[in-house]
PDB file of all heavy atoms in Angstrom:
ATOM      1  N   ASP A   1     116.881  93.292  99.520  1.00  0.00           N
ATOM      2  CA  ASP A   1     115.619  93.130  98.791  1.00  0.00           C
ATOM      3  C   ASP A   1     114.628  92.388  99.686  1.00  0.00           C
ATOM      4  O   ASP A   1     114.817  91.215  99.996  1.00  0.00           O
ATOM      5  CB  ASP A   1     115.866  92.357  97.494  1.00  0.00           C
ATOM      6  CG  ASP A   1     114.601  92.156  96.684  1.00  0.00           C
ATOM      7  OD1 ASP A   1     113.617  92.896  96.911  1.00  0.00           O
ATOM      8  OD2 ASP A   1     114.595  91.263  95.819  1.00  0.00           O
ATOM      9  N   LEU A   2     113.586  93.069 100.117  1.00  0.00           N
ATOM     10  CA  LEU A   2     112.573  92.466 100.992  1.00  0.00           C
ATOM     11  C   LEU A   2     111.344  91.988 100.229  1.00  0.00           C
ATOM     12  O   LEU A   2     110.369  91.543 100.838  1.00  0.00           O
ATOM     13  CB  LEU A   2     112.139  93.476 102.055  1.00  0.00           C
ATOM     14  CG  LEU A   2     113.193  93.895 103.064  1.00  0.00           C
ATOM     15  CD1 LEU A   2     112.640  94.968 103.991  1.00  0.00           C
ATOM     16  CD2 LEU A   2     113.683  92.710 103.866  1.00  0.00           C
ATOM     17  N   SER A   3     111.370  92.081  98.917  1.00  0.00           N
ATOM     18  CA  SER A   3     110.197  91.679  98.133  1.00  0.00           C
ATOM     19  C   SER A   3     109.982  90.170  98.233  1.00  0.00           C
ATOM     20  O   SER A   3     110.900  89.410  98.518  1.00  0.00           O
ATOM     21  CB  SER A   3     110.364  92.103  96.679  1.00  0.00           C
ATOM     22  OG  SER A   3     111.411  91.392  96.076  1.00  0.00           O
ATOM     23  N   LEU A   4     108.747  89.772  98.018  1.00  0.00           N
ATOM     24  CA  LEU A   4     108.415  88.361  98.050  1.00  0.00           C
ATOM     25  C   LEU A   4     107.335  88.062  97.037  1.00  0.00           C
ATOM     26  O   LEU A   4     106.678  88.954  96.518  1.00  0.00           O
ATOM     27  CB  LEU A   4     107.978  87.947  99.461  1.00  0.00           C
ATOM     28  CG  LEU A   4     106.814  88.703 100.090  1.00  0.00           C
ATOM     29  CD1 LEU A   4     105.682  87.746 100.342  1.00  0.00           C
ATOM     30  CD2 LEU A   4     107.281  89.321 101.386  1.00  0.00           C
ATOM     31  N   ASN A   5     107.179  86.781  96.761  1.00  0.00           N
ATOM     32  CA  ASN A   5     106.172  86.318  95.819  1.00  0.00           C
ATOM     33  C   ASN A   5     105.100  85.589  96.618  1.00  0.00           C
ATOM     34  O   ASN A   5     105.371  84.568  97.236  1.00  0.00           O
ATOM     35  CB  ASN A   5     106.820  85.385  94.794  1.00  0.00           C
ATOM     36  CG  ASN A   5     105.859  84.954  93.715  1.00  0.00           C
ATOM     37  OD1 ASN A   5     104.648  85.049  93.860  1.00  0.00           O
ATOM     38  ND2 ASN A   5     106.403  84.472  92.629  1.00  0.00           N
ATOM     39  N   LEU A   6     103.903  86.108  96.616  1.00  0.00           N
ATOM     40  CA  LEU A   6     102.804  85.531  97.375  1.00  0.00           C
ATOM     41  C   LEU A   6     101.773  84.984  96.397  1.00  0.00           C
ATOM     42  O   LEU A   6     100.925  85.723  95.895  1.00  0.00           O
ATOM     43  CB  LEU A   6     102.186  86.590  98.293  1.00  0.00           C
ATOM     44  CG  LEU A   6     101.055  86.170  99.204  1.00  0.00           C
ATOM     45  CD1 LEU A   6     101.559  85.182 100.248  1.00  0.00           C
ATOM     46  CD2 LEU A   6     100.453  87.379  99.890  1.00  0.00           C
ATOM     47  N   GLY A   7     101.885  83.708  96.086  1.00  0.00           N
ATOM     48  CA  GLY A   7     100.949  83.081  95.156  1.00  0.00           C
ATOM     49  C   GLY A   7     100.942  83.721  93.785  1.00  0.00           C
ATOM     50  O   GLY A   7      99.893  83.882  93.177  1.00  0.00           O
ATOM     51  N   GLY A   8     102.105  84.141  93.317  1.00  0.00           N
ATOM     52  CA  GLY A   8     102.212  84.769  92.009  1.00  0.00           C
ATOM     53  C   GLY A   8     102.043  86.284  92.026  1.00  0.00           C
ATOM     54  O   GLY A   8     102.130  86.930  90.998  1.00  0.00           O
ATOM     55  N   ILE A   9     101.820  86.852  93.195  1.00  0.00           N
ATOM     56  CA  ILE A   9     101.676  88.303  93.328  1.00  0.00           C
ATOM     57  C   ILE A   9     102.966  88.846  93.921  1.00  0.00           C
ATOM     58  O   ILE A   9     103.413  88.399  94.977  1.00  0.00           O
ATOM     59  CB  ILE A   9     100.491  88.664  94.250  1.00  0.00           C
ATOM     60  CG1 ILE A   9      99.194  88.070  93.707  1.00  0.00           C
ATOM     61  CG2 ILE A   9     100.371  90.165  94.414  1.00  0.00           C
ATOM     62  CD1 ILE A   9      98.029  88.168  94.664  1.00  0.00           C
ATOM     63  N   LYS A  10     103.568  89.813  93.236  1.00  0.00           N
ATOM     64  CA  LYS A  10     104.802  90.403  93.752  1.00  0.00           C
ATOM     65  C   LYS A  10     104.456  91.427  94.828  1.00  0.00           C
ATOM     66  O   LYS A  10     103.721  92.372  94.596  1.00  0.00           O
ATOM     67  CB  LYS A  10     105.589  91.069  92.633  1.00  0.00           C
ATOM     68  CG  LYS A  10     106.909  91.656  93.107  1.00  0.00           C
ATOM     69  CD  LYS A  10     107.745  92.106  91.924  1.00  0.00           C
ATOM     70  CE  LYS A  10     108.998  92.845  92.259  1.00  0.00           C
ATOM     71  NZ  LYS A  10     109.742  92.565  93.388  1.00  0.00           N
ATOM     72  N   ILE A  11     105.002  91.199  96.012  1.00  0.00           N
ATOM     73  CA  ILE A  11     104.797  92.069  97.160  1.00  0.00           C
ATOM     74  C   ILE A  11     106.127  92.769  97.440  1.00  0.00           C
ATOM     75  O   ILE A  11     107.165  92.129  97.514  1.00  0.00           O
ATOM     76  CB  ILE A  11     104.351  91.259  98.402  1.00  0.00           C
ATOM     77  CG1 ILE A  11     103.137  90.378  98.102  1.00  0.00           C
ATOM     78  CG2 ILE A  11     104.096  92.166  99.588  1.00  0.00           C
ATOM     79  CD1 ILE A  11     101.867  91.093  97.815  1.00  0.00           C
ATOM     80  N   GLU A  12     106.111  94.091  97.598  1.00  0.00           N
ATOM     81  CA  GLU A  12     107.330  94.884  97.755  1.00  0.00           C
ATOM     82  C   GLU A  12     108.065  94.606  99.064  1.00  0.00           C
ATOM     83  O   GLU A  12     109.283  94.603  99.102  1.00  0.00           O
ATOM     84  CB  GLU A  12     107.010  96.378  97.656  1.00  0.00           C
ATOM     85  CG  GLU A  12     106.504  96.795  96.285  1.00  0.00           C
ATOM     86  CD  GLU A  12     107.512  96.539  95.172  1.00  0.00           C
ATOM     87  OE1 GLU A  12     108.721  96.755  95.393  1.00  0.00           O
ATOM     88  OE2 GLU A  12     107.084  96.105  94.099  1.00  0.00           O
ATOM     89  N   HIS A  13     107.340  94.421 100.145  1.00  0.00           N
ATOM     90  CA  HIS A  13     107.943  94.132 101.448  1.00  0.00           C
ATOM     91  C   HIS A  13     106.937  93.352 102.283  1.00  0.00           C
ATOM     92  O   HIS A  13     105.747  93.288 101.931  1.00  0.00           O
ATOM     93  CB  HIS A  13     108.395  95.422 102.158  1.00  0.00           C
ATOM     94  CG  HIS A  13     107.318  96.436 102.329  1.00  0.00           C
ATOM     95  ND1 HIS A  13     106.385  96.367 103.337  1.00  0.00           N
ATOM     96  CD2 HIS A  13     107.015  97.550 101.618  1.00  0.00           C
ATOM     97  CE1 HIS A  13     105.555  97.393 103.239  1.00  0.00           C
ATOM     98  NE2 HIS A  13     105.912  98.127 102.192  1.00  0.00           N
ATOM     99  N   PRO A  14     107.356  92.736 103.386  1.00  0.00           N
ATOM    100  CA  PRO A  14     106.452  91.844 104.123  1.00  0.00           C
ATOM    101  C   PRO A  14     105.473  92.526 105.083  1.00  0.00           C
ATOM    102  O   PRO A  14     104.762  91.844 105.809  1.00  0.00           O
ATOM    103  CB  PRO A  14     107.423  90.949 104.904  1.00  0.00           C
ATOM    104  CG  PRO A  14     108.640  91.760 105.074  1.00  0.00           C
ATOM    105  CD  PRO A  14     108.735  92.631 103.842  1.00  0.00           C
ATOM    106  N   ILE A  15     105.376  93.843 105.080  1.00  0.00           N
ATOM    107  CA  ILE A  15     104.424  94.508 105.973  1.00  0.00           C
ATOM    108  C   ILE A  15     103.102  94.686 105.231  1.00  0.00           C
ATOM    109  O   ILE A  15     102.975  95.530 104.348  1.00  0.00           O
ATOM    110  CB  ILE A  15     104.972  95.850 106.473  1.00  0.00           C
ATOM    111  CG1 ILE A  15     106.269  95.597 107.245  1.00  0.00           C
ATOM    112  CG2 ILE A  15     103.945  96.554 107.347  1.00  0.00           C
ATOM    113  CD1 ILE A  15     106.988  96.834 107.665  1.00  0.00           C
ATOM    114  N   MET A  16     102.128  93.831 105.609  1.00  0.00           N
ATOM    115  CA  MET A  16     100.823  93.822 104.948  1.00  0.00           C
ATOM    116  C   MET A  16      99.728  94.024 105.991  1.00  0.00           C
ATOM    117  O   MET A  16      99.931  93.769 107.169  1.00  0.00           O
ATOM    118  CB  MET A  16     100.613  92.489 104.234  1.00  0.00           C
ATOM    119  CG  MET A  16     101.632  92.217 103.146  1.00  0.00           C
ATOM    120  SD  MET A  16     101.453  90.595 102.430  1.00  0.00           S
ATOM    121  CE  MET A  16     102.749  89.718 103.292  1.00  0.00           C
ATOM    122  N   ALA A  17      98.580  94.470 105.547  1.00  0.00           N
ATOM    123  CA  ALA A  17      97.430  94.671 106.434  1.00  0.00           C
ATOM    124  C   ALA A  17      96.487  93.482 106.309  1.00  0.00           C
ATOM    125  O   ALA A  17      96.024  93.169 105.206  1.00  0.00           O
ATOM    126  CB  ALA A  17      96.707  95.963 106.083  1.00  0.00           C
ATOM    127  N   GLY A  18      96.220  92.836 107.423  1.00  0.00           N
ATOM    128  CA  GLY A  18      95.260  91.744 107.439  1.00  0.00           C
ATOM    129  C   GLY A  18      93.837  92.276 107.482  1.00  0.00           C
ATOM    130  O   GLY A  18      93.603  93.480 107.613  1.00  0.00           O
ATOM    131  N   ALA A  19      92.893  91.377 107.375  1.00  0.00           N
ATOM    132  CA  ALA A  19      91.482  91.765 107.445  1.00  0.00           C
ATOM    133  C   ALA A  19      91.210  92.383 108.812  1.00  0.00           C
ATOM    134  O   ALA A  19      91.533  91.803 109.839  1.00  0.00           O
ATOM    135  CB  ALA A  19      90.601  90.546 107.225  1.00  0.00           C
ATOM    136  N   SER A  20      90.658  93.571 108.807  1.00  0.00           N
ATOM    137  CA  SER A  20      90.400  94.298 110.047  1.00  0.00           C
ATOM    138  C   SER A  20      89.347  95.367 109.777  1.00  0.00           C
ATOM    139  O   SER A  20      88.954  95.579 108.631  1.00  0.00           O
ATOM    140  CB  SER A  20      91.685  94.956 110.542  1.00  0.00           C
ATOM    141  OG  SER A  20      92.041  96.037 109.705  1.00  0.00           O
ATOM    142  N   PRO A  21      88.908  96.070 110.806  1.00  0.00           N
ATOM    143  CA  PRO A  21      87.973  97.175 110.574  1.00  0.00           C
ATOM    144  C   PRO A  21      88.548  98.244 109.641  1.00  0.00           C
ATOM    145  O   PRO A  21      87.792  98.938 108.970  1.00  0.00           O
ATOM    146  CB  PRO A  21      87.725  97.736 111.976  1.00  0.00           C
ATOM    147  CG  PRO A  21      87.940  96.579 112.885  1.00  0.00           C
ATOM    148  CD  PRO A  21      89.060  95.796 112.246  1.00  0.00           C
ATOM    149  N   LEU A  22      89.866  98.351 109.562  1.00  0.00           N
ATOM    150  CA  LEU A  22      90.476  99.338 108.662  1.00  0.00           C
ATOM    151  C   LEU A  22      90.224  99.005 107.191  1.00  0.00           C
ATOM    152  O   LEU A  22      90.203  99.894 106.349  1.00  0.00           O
ATOM    153  CB  LEU A  22      91.982  99.432 108.917  1.00  0.00           C
ATOM    154  CG  LEU A  22      92.393 100.026 110.260  1.00  0.00           C
ATOM    155  CD1 LEU A  22      93.885  99.884 110.458  1.00  0.00           C
ATOM    156  CD2 LEU A  22      91.980 101.480 110.337  1.00  0.00           C
ATOM    157  N   SER A  23      90.054  97.723 106.886  1.00  0.00           N
ATOM    158  CA  SER A  23      89.839  97.333 105.485  1.00  0.00           C
ATOM    159  C   SER A  23      88.369  97.121 105.164  1.00  0.00           C
ATOM    160  O   SER A  23      88.029  96.572 104.121  1.00  0.00           O
ATOM    161  CB  SER A  23      90.635  96.067 105.160  1.00  0.00           C
ATOM    162  OG  SER A  23      90.211  94.992 105.962  1.00  0.00           O
ATOM    163  N   GLU A  24      87.480  97.596 106.020  1.00  0.00           N
ATOM    164  CA  GLU A  24      86.045  97.435 105.801  1.00  0.00           C
ATOM    165  C   GLU A  24      85.465  98.407 104.785  1.00  0.00           C
ATOM    166  O   GLU A  24      84.462  98.125 104.157  1.00  0.00           O
ATOM    167  CB  GLU A  24      85.281  97.584 107.118  1.00  0.00           C
ATOM    168  CG  GLU A  24      85.416  96.391 108.030  1.00  0.00           C
ATOM    169  CD  GLU A  24      84.767  95.144 107.472  1.00  0.00           C
ATOM    170  OE1 GLU A  24      83.648  95.230 106.948  1.00  0.00           O
ATOM    171  OE2 GLU A  24      85.400  94.088 107.540  1.00  0.00           O
ATOM    172  N   ASN A  25      86.083  99.583 104.642  1.00  0.00           N
ATOM    173  CA  ASN A  25      85.534 100.561 103.700  1.00  0.00           C
ATOM    174  C   ASN A  25      86.653 101.169 102.862  1.00  0.00           C
ATOM    175  O   ASN A  25      87.835 100.993 103.141  1.00  0.00           O
ATOM    176  CB  ASN A  25      84.741 101.647 104.438  1.00  0.00           C
ATOM    177  CG  ASN A  25      85.568 102.376 105.465  1.00  0.00           C
ATOM    178  OD1 ASN A  25      86.694 102.778 105.196  1.00  0.00           O
ATOM    179  ND2 ASN A  25      85.018 102.557 106.648  1.00  0.00           N
ATOM    180  N   LEU A  26      86.267 101.880 101.834  1.00  0.00           N
ATOM    181  CA  LEU A  26      87.231 102.426 100.874  1.00  0.00           C
ATOM    182  C   LEU A  26      88.180 103.443 101.507  1.00  0.00           C
ATOM    183  O   LEU A  26      89.377 103.439 101.212  1.00  0.00           O
ATOM    184  CB  LEU A  26      86.479 103.052  99.697  1.00  0.00           C
ATOM    185  CG  LEU A  26      87.302 103.455  98.488  1.00  0.00           C
ATOM    186  CD1 LEU A  26      88.115 102.298  97.949  1.00  0.00           C
ATOM    187  CD2 LEU A  26      86.406 104.010  97.411  1.00  0.00           C
ATOM    188  N   ASP A  27      87.673 104.274 102.401  1.00  0.00           N
ATOM    189  CA  ASP A  27      88.541 105.251 103.068  1.00  0.00           C
ATOM    190  C   ASP A  27      89.627 104.560 103.884  1.00  0.00           C
ATOM    191  O   ASP A  27      90.786 104.972 103.868  1.00  0.00           O
ATOM    192  CB  ASP A  27      87.724 106.181 103.966  1.00  0.00           C
ATOM    193  CG  ASP A  27      86.858 107.144 103.179  1.00  0.00           C
ATOM    194  OD1 ASP A  27      87.200 107.442 102.012  1.00  0.00           O
ATOM    195  OD2 ASP A  27      85.840 107.601 103.726  1.00  0.00           O
ATOM    196  N   GLY A  28      89.255 103.525 104.605  1.00  0.00           N
ATOM    197  CA  GLY A  28      90.226 102.776 105.395  1.00  0.00           C
ATOM    198  C   GLY A  28      91.266 102.106 104.526  1.00  0.00           C
ATOM    199  O   GLY A  28      92.453 102.074 104.865  1.00  0.00           O
ATOM    200  N   ILE A  29      90.833 101.557 103.384  1.00  0.00           N
ATOM    201  CA  ILE A  29      91.759 100.905 102.460  1.00  0.00           C
ATOM    202  C   ILE A  29      92.767 101.918 101.916  1.00  0.00           C
ATOM    203  O   ILE A  29      93.965 101.645 101.843  1.00  0.00           O
ATOM    204  CB  ILE A  29      90.971 100.200 101.331  1.00  0.00           C
ATOM    205  CG1 ILE A  29      90.220  98.996 101.907  1.00  0.00           C
ATOM    206  CG2 ILE A  29      91.888  99.790 100.191  1.00  0.00           C
ATOM    207  CD1 ILE A  29      89.238  98.344 100.964  1.00  0.00           C
ATOM    208  N   LYS A  30      92.290 103.116 101.566  1.00  0.00           N
ATOM    209  CA  LYS A  30      93.200 104.164 101.081  1.00  0.00           C
ATOM    210  C   LYS A  30      94.181 104.594 102.169  1.00  0.00           C
ATOM    211  O   LYS A  30      95.360 104.832 101.898  1.00  0.00           O
ATOM    212  CB  LYS A  30      92.402 105.368 100.584  1.00  0.00           C
ATOM    213  CG  LYS A  30      91.681 105.122  99.288  1.00  0.00           C
ATOM    214  CD  LYS A  30      90.893 106.353  98.880  1.00  0.00           C
ATOM    215  CE  LYS A  30      90.109 106.119  97.613  1.00  0.00           C
ATOM    216  NZ  LYS A  30      89.333 107.301  97.231  1.00  0.00           N
ATOM    217  N   LYS A  31      93.717 104.698 103.418  1.00  0.00           N
ATOM    218  CA  LYS A  31      94.596 105.058 104.528  1.00  0.00           C
ATOM    219  C   LYS A  31      95.675 103.996 104.745  1.00  0.00           C
ATOM    220  O   LYS A  31      96.822 104.324 105.037  1.00  0.00           O
ATOM    221  CB  LYS A  31      93.791 105.265 105.811  1.00  0.00           C
ATOM    222  CG  LYS A  31      92.992 106.542 105.822  1.00  0.00           C
ATOM    223  CD  LYS A  31      92.181 106.670 107.091  1.00  0.00           C
ATOM    224  CE  LYS A  31      91.295 107.900 107.024  1.00  0.00           C
ATOM    225  NZ  LYS A  31      90.423 108.021 108.197  1.00  0.00           N
ATOM    226  N   LEU A  32      95.297 102.729 104.607  1.00  0.00           N
ATOM    227  CA  LEU A  32      96.280 101.660 104.736  1.00  0.00           C
ATOM    228  C   LEU A  32      97.354 101.774 103.662  1.00  0.00           C
ATOM    229  O   LEU A  32      98.548 101.626 103.947  1.00  0.00           O
ATOM    230  CB  LEU A  32      95.597 100.292 104.669  1.00  0.00           C
ATOM    231  CG  LEU A  32      94.789  99.886 105.884  1.00  0.00           C
ATOM    232  CD1 LEU A  32      93.947  98.650 105.590  1.00  0.00           C
ATOM    233  CD2 LEU A  32      95.705  99.629 107.071  1.00  0.00           C
ATOM    234  N   GLU A  33      96.934 102.049 102.428  1.00  0.00           N
ATOM    235  CA  GLU A  33      97.909 102.222 101.349  1.00  0.00           C
ATOM    236  C   GLU A  33      98.815 103.418 101.640  1.00  0.00           C
ATOM    237  O   GLU A  33     100.038 103.324 101.486  1.00  0.00           O
ATOM    238  CB  GLU A  33      97.210 102.414 100.001  1.00  0.00           C
ATOM    239  CG  GLU A  33      98.197 102.593  98.864  1.00  0.00           C
ATOM    240  CD  GLU A  33      97.541 102.892  97.543  1.00  0.00           C
ATOM    241  OE1 GLU A  33      96.499 103.592  97.525  1.00  0.00           O
ATOM    242  OE2 GLU A  33      98.074 102.438  96.523  1.00  0.00           O
ATOM    243  N   ASP A  34      98.240 104.523 102.084  1.00  0.00           N
ATOM    244  CA  ASP A  34      99.011 105.725 102.396  1.00  0.00           C
ATOM    245  C   ASP A  34      99.994 105.493 103.544  1.00  0.00           C
ATOM    246  O   ASP A  34     101.028 106.146 103.622  1.00  0.00           O
ATOM    247  CB  ASP A  34      98.092 106.894 102.734  1.00  0.00           C
ATOM    248  CG  ASP A  34      97.282 107.373 101.534  1.00  0.00           C
ATOM    249  OD1 ASP A  34      97.672 107.050 100.380  1.00  0.00           O
ATOM    250  OD2 ASP A  34      96.257 108.052 101.747  1.00  0.00           O
ATOM    251  N   SER A  35      99.661 104.566 104.445  1.00  0.00           N
ATOM    252  CA  SER A  35     100.541 104.300 105.585  1.00  0.00           C
ATOM    253  C   SER A  35     101.725 103.411 105.216  1.00  0.00           C
ATOM    254  O   SER A  35     102.621 103.221 106.025  1.00  0.00           O
ATOM    255  CB  SER A  35      99.761 103.686 106.744  1.00  0.00           C
ATOM    256  OG  SER A  35      99.329 102.389 106.407  1.00  0.00           O
ATOM    257  N   GLY A  36     101.727 102.863 104.003  1.00  0.00           N
ATOM    258  CA  GLY A  36     102.897 102.143 103.529  1.00  0.00           C
ATOM    259  C   GLY A  36     102.813 100.634 103.480  1.00  0.00           C
ATOM    260  O   GLY A  36     103.821  99.976 103.215  1.00  0.00           O
ATOM    261  N   VAL A  37     101.629 100.059 103.717  1.00  0.00           N
ATOM    262  CA  VAL A  37     101.545  98.599 103.623  1.00  0.00           C
ATOM    263  C   VAL A  37     101.739  98.168 102.170  1.00  0.00           C
ATOM    264  O   VAL A  37     101.460  98.918 101.237  1.00  0.00           O
ATOM    265  CB  VAL A  37     100.211  98.049 104.188  1.00  0.00           C
ATOM    266  CG1 VAL A  37     100.066  98.386 105.650  1.00  0.00           C
ATOM    267  CG2 VAL A  37      99.024  98.521 103.405  1.00  0.00           C
ATOM    268  N   SER A  38     102.227  96.951 101.993  1.00  0.00           N
ATOM    269  CA  SER A  38     102.514  96.475 100.638  1.00  0.00           C
ATOM    270  C   SER A  38     101.348  95.710 100.015  1.00  0.00           C
ATOM    271  O   SER A  38     101.322  95.506  98.801  1.00  0.00           O
ATOM    272  CB  SER A  38     103.741  95.576 100.657  1.00  0.00           C
ATOM    273  OG  SER A  38     103.512  94.449 101.476  1.00  0.00           O
TER     274      SER A  38
END
């Protein structure tokens, strides 16, 4: 089980996307979700 609790938010696994140009617009955010980040 790789899930974790981050400030009361259940995260499925520890691979997350930090603030970057990929998270600047809605298309990038959807691509990040599609790529498997938690």
